[in-house]
Amino acid sequence: MRNRLLTVFVICFSLVSFAQNISSIDFGIKNLGITVDGYFKTFTIEANFDSNNKLKSLFGKVKVESLRTGIENRDEHLLEEEYFNANKHEFITLKSTAINEKSENYYLVSVALTIKGKTKSMIIPVTLKEQSESVQINSDFKINRRDFNVGGSSFIMSNTVKISVVHYQDL
């Protein structure tokens, strides 16, 4: 019995360690006072660095139809015209326009974020964590869904969407 528990513990620990190097784009929004969490399954993120490993540029492209909230009917509804209109707007993009290093491994990045055909300029915080042969790029920020005409003028759904990005890239 003890050996089985030890084996289960080792397997779980190995899976957690392995999962720590998986990039993700997660989001959360309150709907009727309850936070609905989700993520995008298909995306690319490209970060470029100078010779001193300082961030030079950042680009992200998310496939809208890869949205997942854990409820298939809700996911299908969010892909419709009122929300993301995935048939017409296949991708969400984010492109850096300026990068301001505030301290070592902490940047304020000016970006052009395009959702549903609308582009908005904003500033997002980005932190870097250098690892042996890669870098972990993190950013947590908020957007107003109404700036992009996502979800109409719903009174039960918050306007604020919290976004969390974790990306691992080889140096």
N, C-alpha and C. Protein backbone atom coordinates (compact mmCIF):
# COMPACT_ATOMS: atom_id res chain seq x y z
N MET A 1 0.82 -1.19 0.00
CA MET A 1 0.00 0.00 0.00
C MET A 1 0.87 1.26 0.00
N ARG A 2 1.88 1.24 0.83
CA ARG A 2 2.78 2.40 0.92
C ARG A 2 3.49 2.65 -0.40
N ASN A 3 3.90 1.56 -1.07
CA ASN A 3 4.56 1.69 -2.37
C ASN A 3 3.62 2.29 -3.42
N ARG A 4 2.35 1.92 -3.35
CA ARG A 4 1.37 2.47 -4.29
C ARG A 4 1.21 3.97 -4.08
N LEU A 5 1.12 4.38 -2.83
CA LEU A 5 0.98 5.81 -2.53
C LEU A 5 2.22 6.58 -3.01
N LEU A 6 3.38 6.00 -2.77
CA LEU A 6 4.61 6.64 -3.21
C LEU A 6 4.65 6.74 -4.74
N THR A 7 4.22 5.71 -5.43
CA THR A 7 4.18 5.72 -6.88
C THR A 7 3.21 6.79 -7.39
N VAL A 8 2.03 6.88 -6.80
CA VAL A 8 1.05 7.89 -7.19
C VAL A 8 1.61 9.29 -6.95
N PHE A 9 2.26 9.49 -5.83
CA PHE A 9 2.86 10.79 -5.52
C PHE A 9 3.91 11.17 -6.56
N VAL A 10 4.78 10.23 -6.92
CA VAL A 10 5.84 10.50 -7.90
C VAL A 10 5.24 10.83 -9.26
N ILE A 11 4.21 10.10 -9.67
CA ILE A 11 3.56 10.37 -10.96
C ILE A 11 2.92 11.75 -10.96
N CYS A 12 2.19 12.08 -9.90
CA CYS A 12 1.55 13.40 -9.80
C CYS A 12 2.58 14.52 -9.82
N PHE A 13 3.65 14.35 -9.07
CA PHE A 13 4.71 15.36 -9.04
C PHE A 13 5.34 15.53 -10.41
N SER A 14 5.55 14.44 -11.11
CA SER A 14 6.14 14.49 -12.46
C SER A 14 5.22 15.22 -13.42
N LEU A 15 3.92 14.95 -13.34
CA LEU A 15 2.96 15.62 -14.22
C LEU A 15 2.91 17.10 -13.93
N VAL A 16 2.94 17.49 -12.67
CA VAL A 16 2.92 18.91 -12.32
C VAL A 16 4.19 19.58 -12.83
N SER A 17 5.32 18.95 -12.67
CA SER A 17 6.59 19.52 -13.14
C SER A 17 6.57 19.66 -14.65
N PHE A 18 6.03 18.67 -15.35
CA PHE A 18 5.96 18.72 -16.80
C PHE A 18 5.02 19.83 -17.25
N ALA A 19 3.90 19.98 -16.60
CA ALA A 19 2.89 20.96 -16.99
C ALA A 19 3.36 22.40 -16.76
N GLN A 20 4.38 22.60 -15.98
CA GLN A 20 4.84 23.94 -15.69
C GLN A 20 5.47 24.62 -16.90
N ASN A 21 5.79 23.91 -17.94
CA ASN A 21 6.39 24.52 -19.12
C ASN A 21 5.43 24.55 -20.30
N ILE A 22 4.15 24.69 -20.02
CA ILE A 22 3.14 24.77 -21.06
C ILE A 22 2.60 26.19 -21.10
N SER A 23 2.65 26.82 -22.26
CA SER A 23 2.13 28.17 -22.43
C SER A 23 0.61 28.15 -22.33
N SER A 24 0.04 29.28 -21.89
CA SER A 24 -1.42 29.36 -21.76
C SER A 24 -1.91 30.80 -21.89
N ILE A 25 -3.13 30.93 -22.37
CA ILE A 25 -3.84 32.20 -22.37
C ILE A 25 -5.19 31.92 -21.72
N ASP A 26 -5.37 32.43 -20.51
CA ASP A 26 -6.59 32.21 -19.73
C ASP A 26 -7.34 33.52 -19.57
N PHE A 27 -8.65 33.42 -19.34
CA PHE A 27 -9.46 34.61 -19.10
C PHE A 27 -10.52 34.31 -18.06
N GLY A 28 -11.04 35.37 -17.47
CA GLY A 28 -12.12 35.26 -16.50
C GLY A 28 -13.01 36.49 -16.59
N ILE A 29 -14.32 36.27 -16.50
CA ILE A 29 -15.28 37.37 -16.53
C ILE A 29 -16.45 37.01 -15.62
N LYS A 30 -16.96 38.00 -14.90
CA LYS A 30 -18.10 37.76 -14.03
C LYS A 30 -19.39 37.81 -14.85
N ASN A 31 -20.25 36.82 -14.61
CA ASN A 31 -21.54 36.73 -15.25
C ASN A 31 -22.54 36.34 -14.16
N LEU A 32 -23.50 37.20 -13.89
CA LEU A 32 -24.43 37.00 -12.78
C LEU A 32 -23.70 36.85 -11.46
N GLY A 33 -22.58 37.56 -11.32
CA GLY A 33 -21.80 37.55 -10.09
C GLY A 33 -20.89 36.36 -9.92
N ILE A 34 -20.91 35.43 -10.87
CA ILE A 34 -20.07 34.23 -10.82
C ILE A 34 -19.00 34.36 -11.89
N THR A 35 -17.75 34.08 -11.53
CA THR A 35 -16.66 34.18 -12.50
C THR A 35 -16.68 32.98 -13.43
N VAL A 36 -16.73 33.28 -14.72
CA VAL A 36 -16.64 32.26 -15.76
C VAL A 36 -15.19 32.27 -16.24
N ASP A 37 -14.51 31.14 -16.10
CA ASP A 37 -13.12 31.01 -16.53
C ASP A 37 -13.07 30.28 -17.86
N GLY A 38 -12.04 30.60 -18.61
CA GLY A 38 -11.84 29.91 -19.87
C GLY A 38 -10.42 30.08 -20.35
N TYR A 39 -10.15 29.55 -21.52
CA TYR A 39 -8.82 29.65 -22.10
C TYR A 39 -8.93 29.50 -23.61
N PHE A 40 -7.84 29.83 -24.29
CA PHE A 40 -7.74 29.61 -25.73
C PHE A 40 -6.76 28.47 -25.94
N LYS A 41 -7.17 27.51 -26.74
CA LYS A 41 -6.40 26.30 -26.95
C LYS A 41 -5.31 26.46 -28.03
N THR A 42 -5.57 27.30 -29.05
CA THR A 42 -4.66 27.43 -30.18
C THR A 42 -4.19 28.88 -30.31
N PHE A 43 -2.89 29.08 -30.20
CA PHE A 43 -2.32 30.42 -30.30
C PHE A 43 -0.82 30.32 -30.56
N THR A 44 -0.27 31.44 -31.02
CA THR A 44 1.18 31.56 -31.15
C THR A 44 1.61 32.85 -30.48
N ILE A 45 2.73 32.81 -29.83
CA ILE A 45 3.33 34.00 -29.22
C ILE A 45 4.79 34.02 -29.64
N GLU A 46 5.23 35.17 -30.12
CA GLU A 46 6.62 35.33 -30.54
C GLU A 46 7.20 36.53 -29.80
N ALA A 47 8.25 36.29 -29.06
CA ALA A 47 8.97 37.37 -28.38
C ALA A 47 10.37 37.42 -28.97
N ASN A 48 10.84 38.63 -29.24
CA ASN A 48 12.20 38.81 -29.75
C ASN A 48 13.02 39.54 -28.71
N PHE A 49 14.28 39.14 -28.60
CA PHE A 49 15.19 39.69 -27.60
C PHE A 49 16.44 40.20 -28.26
N ASP A 50 17.08 41.19 -27.63
CA ASP A 50 18.36 41.68 -28.13
C ASP A 50 19.48 40.79 -27.59
N SER A 51 20.71 41.15 -27.87
CA SER A 51 21.86 40.32 -27.47
C SER A 51 22.03 40.23 -25.95
N ASN A 52 21.41 41.14 -25.20
CA ASN A 52 21.46 41.11 -23.73
C ASN A 52 20.22 40.48 -23.11
N ASN A 53 19.44 39.78 -23.94
CA ASN A 53 18.20 39.14 -23.52
C ASN A 53 17.16 40.14 -23.00
N LYS A 54 17.18 41.35 -23.54
CA LYS A 54 16.15 42.35 -23.23
C LYS A 54 15.05 42.22 -24.27
N LEU A 55 13.81 42.36 -23.84
CA LEU A 55 12.67 42.23 -24.73
C LEU A 55 12.67 43.33 -25.79
N LYS A 56 12.60 42.94 -27.07
CA LYS A 56 12.58 43.89 -28.19
C LYS A 56 11.20 44.02 -28.81
N SER A 57 10.47 42.90 -28.93
CA SER A 57 9.15 42.94 -29.53
C SER A 57 8.33 41.74 -29.06
N LEU A 58 7.03 41.88 -29.23
CA LEU A 58 6.10 40.85 -28.77
C LEU A 58 4.94 40.78 -29.76
N PHE A 59 4.56 39.58 -30.13
CA PHE A 59 3.43 39.38 -31.04
C PHE A 59 2.66 38.15 -30.62
N GLY A 60 1.34 38.24 -30.64
CA GLY A 60 0.50 37.09 -30.32
C GLY A 60 -0.65 36.99 -31.30
N LYS A 61 -1.02 35.75 -31.63
CA LYS A 61 -2.13 35.49 -32.54
C LYS A 61 -2.93 34.32 -31.97
N VAL A 62 -4.21 34.57 -31.69
CA VAL A 62 -5.08 33.58 -31.05
C VAL A 62 -6.18 33.17 -32.02
N LYS A 63 -6.37 31.88 -32.18
CA LYS A 63 -7.47 31.37 -33.01
C LYS A 63 -8.75 31.43 -32.17
N VAL A 64 -9.69 32.29 -32.60
CA VAL A 64 -10.90 32.54 -31.82
C VAL A 64 -11.69 31.26 -31.57
N GLU A 65 -11.82 30.41 -32.56
CA GLU A 65 -12.65 29.21 -32.39
C GLU A 65 -12.06 28.20 -31.41
N SER A 66 -10.84 28.45 -30.91
CA SER A 66 -10.23 27.55 -29.93
C SER A 66 -10.64 27.91 -28.50
N LEU A 67 -11.56 28.86 -28.34
CA LEU A 67 -12.06 29.29 -27.02
C LEU A 67 -12.71 28.10 -26.30
N ARG A 68 -12.39 27.95 -25.03
CA ARG A 68 -12.96 26.86 -24.22
C ARG A 68 -13.33 27.40 -22.83
N THR A 69 -14.54 27.10 -22.38
CA THR A 69 -14.98 27.47 -21.03
C THR A 69 -15.40 26.25 -20.21
N GLY A 70 -15.39 25.09 -20.82
CA GLY A 70 -15.81 23.89 -20.11
C GLY A 70 -17.25 23.51 -20.37
N ILE A 71 -18.00 24.38 -21.06
CA ILE A 71 -19.39 24.10 -21.42
C ILE A 71 -19.52 24.33 -22.92
N GLU A 72 -19.67 23.25 -23.67
CA GLU A 72 -19.64 23.32 -25.12
C GLU A 72 -20.70 24.26 -25.70
N ASN A 73 -21.92 24.22 -25.18
CA ASN A 73 -22.98 25.10 -25.69
C ASN A 73 -22.62 26.57 -25.49
N ARG A 74 -22.04 26.89 -24.34
CA ARG A 74 -21.62 28.28 -24.08
C ARG A 74 -20.50 28.68 -25.05
N ASP A 75 -19.55 27.77 -25.28
CA ASP A 75 -18.46 28.06 -26.20
C ASP A 75 -19.01 28.37 -27.60
N GLU A 76 -19.95 27.56 -28.07
CA GLU A 76 -20.55 27.79 -29.38
C GLU A 76 -21.26 29.15 -29.43
N HIS A 77 -21.96 29.49 -28.34
CA HIS A 77 -22.67 30.77 -28.26
C HIS A 77 -21.67 31.94 -28.31
N LEU A 78 -20.55 31.81 -27.63
CA LEU A 78 -19.54 32.88 -27.62
C LEU A 78 -18.88 33.10 -28.98
N LEU A 79 -18.94 32.10 -29.84
CA LEU A 79 -18.35 32.23 -31.17
C LEU A 79 -19.30 32.91 -32.16
N GLU A 80 -20.55 33.11 -31.76
CA GLU A 80 -21.54 33.74 -32.64
C GLU A 80 -21.31 35.24 -32.77
N GLU A 81 -22.07 35.86 -33.68
CA GLU A 81 -21.88 37.26 -34.06
C GLU A 81 -21.90 38.23 -32.89
N GLU A 82 -22.81 38.05 -31.93
CA GLU A 82 -22.93 38.98 -30.81
C GLU A 82 -21.66 39.03 -29.95
N TYR A 83 -20.96 37.93 -29.90
CA TYR A 83 -19.75 37.88 -29.09
C TYR A 83 -18.51 38.00 -29.97
N PHE A 84 -17.86 36.91 -30.33
CA PHE A 84 -16.60 36.99 -31.08
C PHE A 84 -16.75 36.94 -32.60
N ASN A 85 -17.90 36.53 -33.09
CA ASN A 85 -18.15 36.46 -34.53
C ASN A 85 -16.99 35.74 -35.25
N ALA A 86 -16.75 34.51 -34.81
CA ALA A 86 -15.60 33.74 -35.29
C ALA A 86 -15.64 33.46 -36.79
N ASN A 87 -16.83 33.43 -37.39
CA ASN A 87 -16.90 33.21 -38.85
C ASN A 87 -16.29 34.38 -39.62
N LYS A 88 -16.41 35.58 -39.10
CA LYS A 88 -15.88 36.76 -39.77
C LYS A 88 -14.50 37.17 -39.24
N HIS A 89 -14.26 36.95 -37.94
CA HIS A 89 -13.01 37.37 -37.30
C HIS A 89 -12.33 36.15 -36.71
N GLU A 90 -11.48 35.53 -37.51
CA GLU A 90 -10.86 34.25 -37.16
C GLU A 90 -9.82 34.36 -36.05
N PHE A 91 -9.16 35.53 -35.95
CA PHE A 91 -8.05 35.67 -35.00
C PHE A 91 -8.18 36.91 -34.13
N ILE A 92 -7.60 36.82 -32.95
CA ILE A 92 -7.33 37.96 -32.07
C ILE A 92 -5.82 38.17 -32.17
N THR A 93 -5.38 39.43 -32.34
CA THR A 93 -3.94 39.67 -32.43
C THR A 93 -3.51 40.73 -31.43
N LEU A 94 -2.27 40.62 -31.02
CA LEU A 94 -1.64 41.59 -30.14
C LEU A 94 -0.24 41.83 -30.68
N LYS A 95 0.09 43.11 -30.91
CA LYS A 95 1.41 43.44 -31.44
C LYS A 95 1.99 44.61 -30.65
N SER A 96 3.23 44.44 -30.20
CA SER A 96 3.88 45.53 -29.47
C SER A 96 4.16 46.69 -30.40
N THR A 97 4.00 47.91 -29.87
CA THR A 97 4.32 49.12 -30.62
C THR A 97 5.47 49.88 -29.94
N ALA A 98 5.67 49.64 -28.66
CA ALA A 98 6.78 50.25 -27.91
C ALA A 98 7.01 49.42 -26.65
N ILE A 99 8.27 49.36 -26.22
CA ILE A 99 8.61 48.59 -25.02
C ILE A 99 9.43 49.47 -24.10
N ASN A 100 8.98 49.56 -22.85
CA ASN A 100 9.64 50.39 -21.85
C ASN A 100 10.08 49.50 -20.69
N GLU A 101 11.37 49.30 -20.56
CA GLU A 101 11.89 48.48 -19.45
C GLU A 101 11.86 49.33 -18.18
N LYS A 102 11.09 48.89 -17.20
CA LYS A 102 10.95 49.63 -15.95
C LYS A 102 11.98 49.19 -14.91
N SER A 103 12.30 47.93 -14.90
CA SER A 103 13.34 47.38 -14.03
C SER A 103 13.78 46.06 -14.65
N GLU A 104 14.76 45.43 -14.03
CA GLU A 104 15.25 44.18 -14.60
C GLU A 104 14.11 43.16 -14.71
N ASN A 105 13.87 42.70 -15.93
CA ASN A 105 12.85 41.69 -16.24
C ASN A 105 11.41 42.16 -16.04
N TYR A 106 11.19 43.47 -15.95
CA TYR A 106 9.82 44.00 -15.86
C TYR A 106 9.66 45.12 -16.88
N TYR A 107 8.65 44.98 -17.73
CA TYR A 107 8.43 45.91 -18.83
C TYR A 107 6.98 46.38 -18.84
N LEU A 108 6.78 47.60 -19.33
CA LEU A 108 5.46 48.07 -19.70
C LEU A 108 5.47 48.12 -21.22
N VAL A 109 4.60 47.33 -21.83
CA VAL A 109 4.60 47.16 -23.28
C VAL A 109 3.35 47.81 -23.86
N SER A 110 3.58 48.77 -24.75
CA SER A 110 2.47 49.37 -25.50
C SER A 110 2.12 48.40 -26.62
N VAL A 111 0.84 48.08 -26.74
CA VAL A 111 0.40 47.10 -27.73
C VAL A 111 -0.80 47.62 -28.50
N ALA A 112 -0.98 47.03 -29.67
CA ALA A 112 -2.20 47.19 -30.45
C ALA A 112 -2.92 45.85 -30.35
N LEU A 113 -4.07 45.84 -29.68
CA LEU A 113 -4.86 44.62 -29.49
C LEU A 113 -6.06 44.69 -30.42
N THR A 114 -6.21 43.66 -31.26
CA THR A 114 -7.32 43.62 -32.21
C THR A 114 -8.22 42.43 -31.90
N ILE A 115 -9.48 42.74 -31.60
CA ILE A 115 -10.50 41.74 -31.33
C ILE A 115 -11.73 42.13 -32.15
N LYS A 116 -12.25 41.17 -32.88
CA LYS A 116 -13.48 41.38 -33.64
C LYS A 116 -13.35 42.57 -34.60
N GLY A 117 -12.16 42.74 -35.17
CA GLY A 117 -11.93 43.78 -36.16
C GLY A 117 -11.67 45.16 -35.59
N LYS A 118 -11.71 45.32 -34.28
CA LYS A 118 -11.45 46.62 -33.65
C LYS A 118 -10.09 46.56 -32.98
N THR A 119 -9.30 47.62 -33.19
CA THR A 119 -7.97 47.69 -32.61
C THR A 119 -7.94 48.78 -31.55
N LYS A 120 -7.38 48.45 -30.42
CA LYS A 120 -7.26 49.39 -29.31
C LYS A 120 -5.81 49.40 -28.83
N SER A 121 -5.29 50.58 -28.58
CA SER A 121 -3.95 50.70 -27.99
C SER A 121 -4.06 50.62 -26.49
N MET A 122 -3.15 49.90 -25.88
CA MET A 122 -3.12 49.79 -24.43
C MET A 122 -1.72 49.47 -23.96
N ILE A 123 -1.51 49.54 -22.66
CA ILE A 123 -0.22 49.21 -22.07
C ILE A 123 -0.43 48.02 -21.14
N ILE A 124 0.40 46.99 -21.33
CA ILE A 124 0.30 45.80 -20.50
C ILE A 124 1.63 45.56 -19.79
N PRO A 125 1.57 45.05 -18.55
CA PRO A 125 2.80 44.70 -17.84
C PRO A 125 3.30 43.33 -18.30
N VAL A 126 4.60 43.21 -18.44
CA VAL A 126 5.20 41.94 -18.85
C VAL A 126 6.40 41.68 -17.96
N THR A 127 6.46 40.48 -17.39
CA THR A 127 7.62 40.07 -16.61
C THR A 127 8.29 38.88 -17.28
N LEU A 128 9.60 38.83 -17.14
CA LEU A 128 10.38 37.73 -17.68
C LEU A 128 11.05 36.98 -16.55
N LYS A 129 11.08 35.67 -16.66
CA LYS A 129 11.82 34.84 -15.71
C LYS A 129 12.73 33.94 -16.53
N GLU A 130 14.01 34.25 -16.49
CA GLU A 130 14.97 33.46 -17.24
C GLU A 130 15.17 32.11 -16.58
N GLN A 131 15.18 31.08 -17.41
CA GLN A 131 15.44 29.73 -16.96
C GLN A 131 16.68 29.25 -17.68
N SER A 132 17.05 28.01 -17.52
CA SER A 132 18.33 27.54 -18.07
C SER A 132 18.49 27.85 -19.56
N GLU A 133 17.56 27.44 -20.40
CA GLU A 133 17.69 27.70 -21.83
C GLU A 133 16.44 28.34 -22.41
N SER A 134 15.59 28.86 -21.54
CA SER A 134 14.35 29.47 -22.00
C SER A 134 13.99 30.65 -21.10
N VAL A 135 12.92 31.30 -21.48
CA VAL A 135 12.41 32.41 -20.68
C VAL A 135 10.90 32.22 -20.51
N GLN A 136 10.43 32.49 -19.31
CA GLN A 136 8.99 32.47 -19.04
C GLN A 136 8.51 33.92 -19.12
N ILE A 137 7.52 34.14 -19.96
CA ILE A 137 6.96 35.48 -20.16
C ILE A 137 5.57 35.48 -19.54
N ASN A 138 5.33 36.43 -18.62
CA ASN A 138 4.03 36.51 -17.93
C ASN A 138 3.41 37.89 -18.14
N SER A 139 2.09 37.90 -18.29
CA SER A 139 1.37 39.16 -18.34
C SER A 139 -0.04 38.95 -17.82
N ASP A 140 -0.44 39.78 -16.88
CA ASP A 140 -1.81 39.80 -16.37
C ASP A 140 -2.35 41.20 -16.58
N PHE A 141 -3.48 41.29 -17.29
CA PHE A 141 -4.05 42.60 -17.57
C PHE A 141 -5.56 42.47 -17.74
N LYS A 142 -6.22 43.59 -17.85
CA LYS A 142 -7.68 43.62 -18.00
C LYS A 142 -8.03 44.37 -19.28
N ILE A 143 -9.13 43.93 -19.89
CA ILE A 143 -9.66 44.67 -21.03
C ILE A 143 -11.15 44.91 -20.79
N ASN A 144 -11.68 45.89 -21.47
CA ASN A 144 -13.11 46.16 -21.45
C ASN A 144 -13.70 45.52 -22.69
N ARG A 145 -14.53 44.51 -22.53
CA ARG A 145 -15.09 43.77 -23.66
C ARG A 145 -15.90 44.67 -24.58
N ARG A 146 -16.48 45.72 -24.02
CA ARG A 146 -17.32 46.62 -24.81
C ARG A 146 -16.49 47.48 -25.77
N ASP A 147 -15.19 47.67 -25.46
CA ASP A 147 -14.31 48.38 -26.39
C ASP A 147 -14.21 47.64 -27.73
N PHE A 148 -14.51 46.34 -27.72
CA PHE A 148 -14.38 45.50 -28.90
C PHE A 148 -15.74 44.97 -29.39
N ASN A 149 -16.82 45.52 -28.84
CA ASN A 149 -18.19 45.09 -29.20
C ASN A 149 -18.40 43.59 -28.98
N VAL A 150 -17.90 43.08 -27.88
CA VAL A 150 -18.08 41.67 -27.54
C VAL A 150 -19.16 41.57 -26.47
N GLY A 151 -20.27 40.91 -26.80
CA GLY A 151 -21.31 40.66 -25.82
C GLY A 151 -22.35 41.75 -25.67
N GLY A 152 -22.33 42.75 -26.51
CA GLY A 152 -23.35 43.79 -26.45
C GLY A 152 -23.37 44.53 -25.13
N SER A 153 -24.56 45.01 -24.78
CA SER A 153 -24.70 45.84 -23.57
C SER A 153 -25.33 45.05 -22.43
N SER A 154 -24.88 43.86 -22.20
CA SER A 154 -25.42 43.00 -21.15
C SER A 154 -25.26 43.64 -19.77
N PHE A 155 -26.33 43.60 -18.98
CA PHE A 155 -26.27 44.13 -17.62
C PHE A 155 -25.86 43.07 -16.61
N ILE A 156 -25.93 41.81 -17.01
CA ILE A 156 -25.58 40.73 -16.07
C ILE A 156 -24.13 40.29 -16.21
N MET A 157 -23.48 40.73 -17.29
CA MET A 157 -22.09 40.34 -17.53
C MET A 157 -21.19 41.56 -17.32
N SER A 158 -20.13 41.36 -16.59
CA SER A 158 -19.15 42.43 -16.33
C SER A 158 -18.54 42.91 -17.64
N ASN A 159 -18.16 44.17 -17.67
CA ASN A 159 -17.43 44.70 -18.82
C ASN A 159 -15.96 44.33 -18.77
N THR A 160 -15.46 44.03 -17.59
CA THR A 160 -14.04 43.76 -17.39
C THR A 160 -13.73 42.28 -17.55
N VAL A 161 -12.76 42.01 -18.41
CA VAL A 161 -12.27 40.64 -18.62
C VAL A 161 -10.82 40.61 -18.15
N LYS A 162 -10.52 39.66 -17.27
CA LYS A 162 -9.15 39.49 -16.79
C LYS A 162 -8.45 38.47 -17.68
N ILE A 163 -7.27 38.86 -18.15
CA ILE A 163 -6.47 38.02 -19.04
C ILE A 163 -5.17 37.65 -18.34
N SER A 164 -4.78 36.39 -18.45
CA SER A 164 -3.51 35.93 -17.89
C SER A 164 -2.77 35.12 -18.96
N VAL A 165 -1.56 35.58 -19.27
CA VAL A 165 -0.76 34.91 -20.29
C VAL A 165 0.53 34.41 -19.64
N VAL A 166 0.84 33.15 -19.91
CA VAL A 166 2.12 32.56 -19.52
C VAL A 166 2.67 31.89 -20.77
N HIS A 167 3.89 32.27 -21.13
CA HIS A 167 4.48 31.72 -22.34
C HIS A 167 5.93 31.33 -22.07
N TYR A 168 6.31 30.18 -22.57
CA TYR A 168 7.69 29.70 -22.45
C TYR A 168 8.31 29.73 -23.84
N GLN A 169 9.49 30.35 -23.93
CA GLN A 169 10.16 30.46 -25.23
C GLN A 169 11.65 30.19 -25.05
N ASP A 170 12.19 29.43 -25.99
CA ASP A 170 13.63 29.18 -25.98
C ASP A 170 14.39 30.47 -26.26
N LEU A 171 15.52 30.63 -25.61
CA LEU A 171 16.37 31.80 -25.85
C LEU A 171 17.31 31.54 -27.01
